[in-house]
Amino acid sequence: MYKVYQVLMGDTIDTLSDKFNIDPNELIKVNGLTGEVIAGQLIVVPNNNSYFNTYIVKKGDNIYEIARRYNTTEEYLLKINGLNKDDYIYPNEEILVPKDNISIYITDSNDTLNKVATMLNTNPSRLIEENEIYLLPDQLIIKTK
């Protein structure tokens, strides 16, 4: 998962790596940078992966069993990994699974911020702090416990 950031005056690779909690070398590599950023420049910033662990698929695994093991749903695992129900997973493939104490929700077309906050037993302000919220269908919403 990535987001686009417009570089501000005074931003450097080091300040951006601190701001987004990312290794400066990864920021350089992802953007093909030569060492400096310029105000107004658009760069790609990998989202902090503090909400997910990587799981290495083992022979005989299936999405349903992995979802059950990580206390989530098959639907959520498929969506956060960009998979369809018909897709196969293979041994040694890496997939994302939610970390402990993380609740996730995939939005629907009739959701409101208050409705999602109620479903996740939190308040709208906290959801806004932890997510970039547009409330479009199929958006991933995260709540830390």
Protein backbone atom coordinates (compact mmCIF):
# COMPACT_ATOMS: atom_id res chain seq x y z
CA MET A 1 0.00 0.00 0.00
CA TYR A 2 1.25 3.41 -0.96
CA LYS A 3 0.23 7.03 -0.82
CA VAL A 4 1.40 10.06 -2.78
CA TYR A 5 2.92 12.97 -0.89
CA GLN A 6 3.77 16.42 -2.22
CA VAL A 7 7.13 17.57 -0.87
CA LEU A 8 6.96 20.78 1.18
CA MET A 9 9.61 23.46 1.56
CA GLY A 10 12.17 22.25 4.07
CA ASP A 11 11.44 18.55 3.57
CA THR A 12 14.47 16.30 3.22
CA ILE A 13 14.76 12.56 2.78
CA ASP A 14 15.64 12.30 6.48
CA THR A 15 12.71 14.41 7.70
CA LEU A 16 10.33 12.49 5.42
CA SER A 17 11.65 9.12 6.61
CA ASP A 18 11.07 10.25 10.20
CA LYS A 19 7.63 11.67 9.38
CA PHE A 20 6.46 8.47 7.67
CA ASN A 21 8.47 6.02 9.80
CA ILE A 22 10.24 4.52 6.80
CA ASP A 23 13.86 3.69 6.09
CA PRO A 24 15.40 6.54 4.03
CA ASN A 25 16.98 4.03 1.64
CA GLU A 26 13.55 2.54 0.90
CA LEU A 27 12.16 6.01 0.18
CA ILE A 28 15.08 6.67 -2.20
CA LYS A 29 14.70 3.29 -3.90
CA VAL A 30 10.91 3.47 -4.36
CA ASN A 31 11.14 6.94 -5.93
CA GLY A 32 14.43 6.60 -7.85
CA LEU A 33 15.78 9.59 -5.96
CA THR A 34 19.38 10.73 -6.23
CA GLY A 35 19.61 12.16 -2.74
CA GLU A 36 17.42 15.27 -2.63
CA VAL A 37 13.75 16.14 -2.83
CA ILE A 38 12.38 19.41 -4.18
CA ALA A 39 9.37 21.36 -2.86
CA GLY A 40 6.33 20.55 -5.01
CA GLN A 41 7.70 17.17 -6.09
CA LEU A 42 5.30 14.23 -5.78
CA ILE A 43 6.79 11.14 -4.19
CA VAL A 44 5.40 7.72 -3.39
CA VAL A 45 5.48 6.78 0.28
CA PRO A 46 4.94 3.16 1.30
CA ASN A 47 2.36 3.14 4.10
CA ASN A 48 3.64 2.17 7.50
CA ASN A 49 2.88 -1.50 7.90
CA SER A 50 2.32 -1.28 11.65
CA TYR A 51 -1.11 -2.89 11.28
CA PHE A 52 -0.13 -6.09 9.48
CA ASN A 53 2.30 -8.97 9.73
CA THR A 54 3.55 -10.95 6.79
CA TYR A 55 2.56 -14.62 6.74
CA ILE A 56 4.43 -17.13 4.59
CA VAL A 57 1.99 -19.58 3.07
CA LYS A 58 2.76 -23.22 3.83
CA LYS A 59 1.81 -26.29 1.83
CA GLY A 60 -1.83 -27.14 2.54
CA ASP A 61 -2.79 -23.63 3.74
CA ASN A 62 -5.95 -21.95 2.53
CA ILE A 63 -7.34 -18.48 3.08
CA TYR A 64 -10.19 -19.70 5.31
CA GLU A 65 -7.82 -21.46 7.76
CA ILE A 66 -5.37 -18.55 7.80
CA ALA A 67 -8.22 -16.09 8.47
CA ARG A 68 -9.48 -18.24 11.35
CA ARG A 69 -5.95 -18.51 12.79
CA TYR A 70 -5.60 -14.70 12.76
CA ASN A 71 -9.12 -14.00 14.05
CA THR A 72 -10.32 -12.26 10.89
CA THR A 73 -12.53 -13.15 7.96
CA GLU A 74 -11.75 -14.75 4.64
CA GLU A 75 -13.27 -11.69 2.92
CA TYR A 76 -10.93 -9.29 4.73
CA LEU A 77 -7.83 -11.37 3.99
CA LEU A 78 -8.75 -11.54 0.32
CA LYS A 79 -9.33 -7.77 0.09
CA ILE A 80 -6.22 -6.63 1.97
CA ASN A 81 -4.12 -8.90 -0.24
CA GLY A 82 -5.81 -7.97 -3.52
CA LEU A 83 -7.03 -11.52 -4.05
CA ASN A 84 -10.29 -12.88 -5.46
CA LYS A 85 -12.16 -15.85 -3.98
CA ASP A 86 -11.06 -17.99 -6.97
CA ASP A 87 -7.35 -17.13 -6.63
CA TYR A 88 -4.92 -19.75 -5.41
CA ILE A 89 -2.26 -19.15 -2.79
CA TYR A 90 1.00 -21.01 -3.07
CA PRO A 91 3.64 -22.20 -0.62
CA ASN A 92 6.24 -19.51 0.16
CA GLU A 93 3.88 -16.73 -1.03
CA GLU A 94 3.71 -13.78 1.39
CA ILE A 95 0.32 -12.45 2.44
CA LEU A 96 -0.65 -9.75 4.92
CA VAL A 97 -2.49 -10.71 8.11
CA PRO A 98 -3.73 -8.28 10.78
CA LYS A 99 -1.56 -7.93 13.86
CA ASP A 100 -3.00 -8.72 17.28
CA ASN A 101 -5.23 -5.98 18.69
CA ILE A 102 -6.14 -4.66 15.23
CA SER A 103 -9.72 -4.53 14.01
CA ILE A 104 -10.37 -4.01 10.33
CA TYR A 105 -13.49 -3.20 8.38
CA ILE A 106 -14.06 -2.85 4.63
CA THR A 107 -16.51 -0.04 3.91
CA ASP A 108 -19.75 -0.44 1.98
CA SER A 109 -21.49 2.10 -0.25
CA ASN A 110 -23.99 3.17 2.43
CA ASP A 111 -21.52 3.59 5.31
CA THR A 112 -21.13 6.76 7.32
CA LEU A 113 -18.29 7.67 9.63
CA ASN A 114 -20.57 7.35 12.67
CA LYS A 115 -21.85 3.94 11.53
CA VAL A 116 -18.33 2.58 11.05
CA ALA A 117 -17.18 4.02 14.39
CA THR A 118 -20.12 2.36 16.14
CA MET A 119 -19.42 -0.98 14.44
CA LEU A 120 -15.79 -0.82 15.58
CA ASN A 121 -16.76 0.37 19.07
CA THR A 122 -14.79 3.60 18.81
CA ASN A 123 -15.37 7.26 18.02
CA PRO A 124 -15.14 9.03 14.66
CA SER A 125 -12.17 11.19 15.77
CA ARG A 126 -10.06 8.14 16.51
CA LEU A 127 -10.88 6.58 13.13
CA ILE A 128 -9.86 9.77 11.38
CA GLU A 129 -6.53 9.82 13.27
CA GLU A 130 -5.72 6.23 12.25
CA ASN A 131 -6.99 6.24 8.65
CA GLU A 132 -7.19 8.33 5.50
CA ILE A 133 -10.97 8.22 5.31
CA TYR A 134 -12.97 8.85 2.17
CA LEU A 135 -15.77 6.35 2.93
CA LEU A 136 -15.78 4.93 -0.53
CA PRO A 137 -16.87 1.32 -1.06
CA ASP A 138 -14.13 -1.24 -0.37
CA GLN A 139 -11.97 1.12 1.73
CA LEU A 140 -10.01 -0.58 4.50
CA ILE A 141 -10.66 0.96 7.94
CA ILE A 142 -8.38 0.08 10.85
CA LYS A 143 -8.87 0.44 14.61
CA THR A 144 -6.20 -0.37 17.15
CA LYS A 145 -7.45 -1.84 20.38
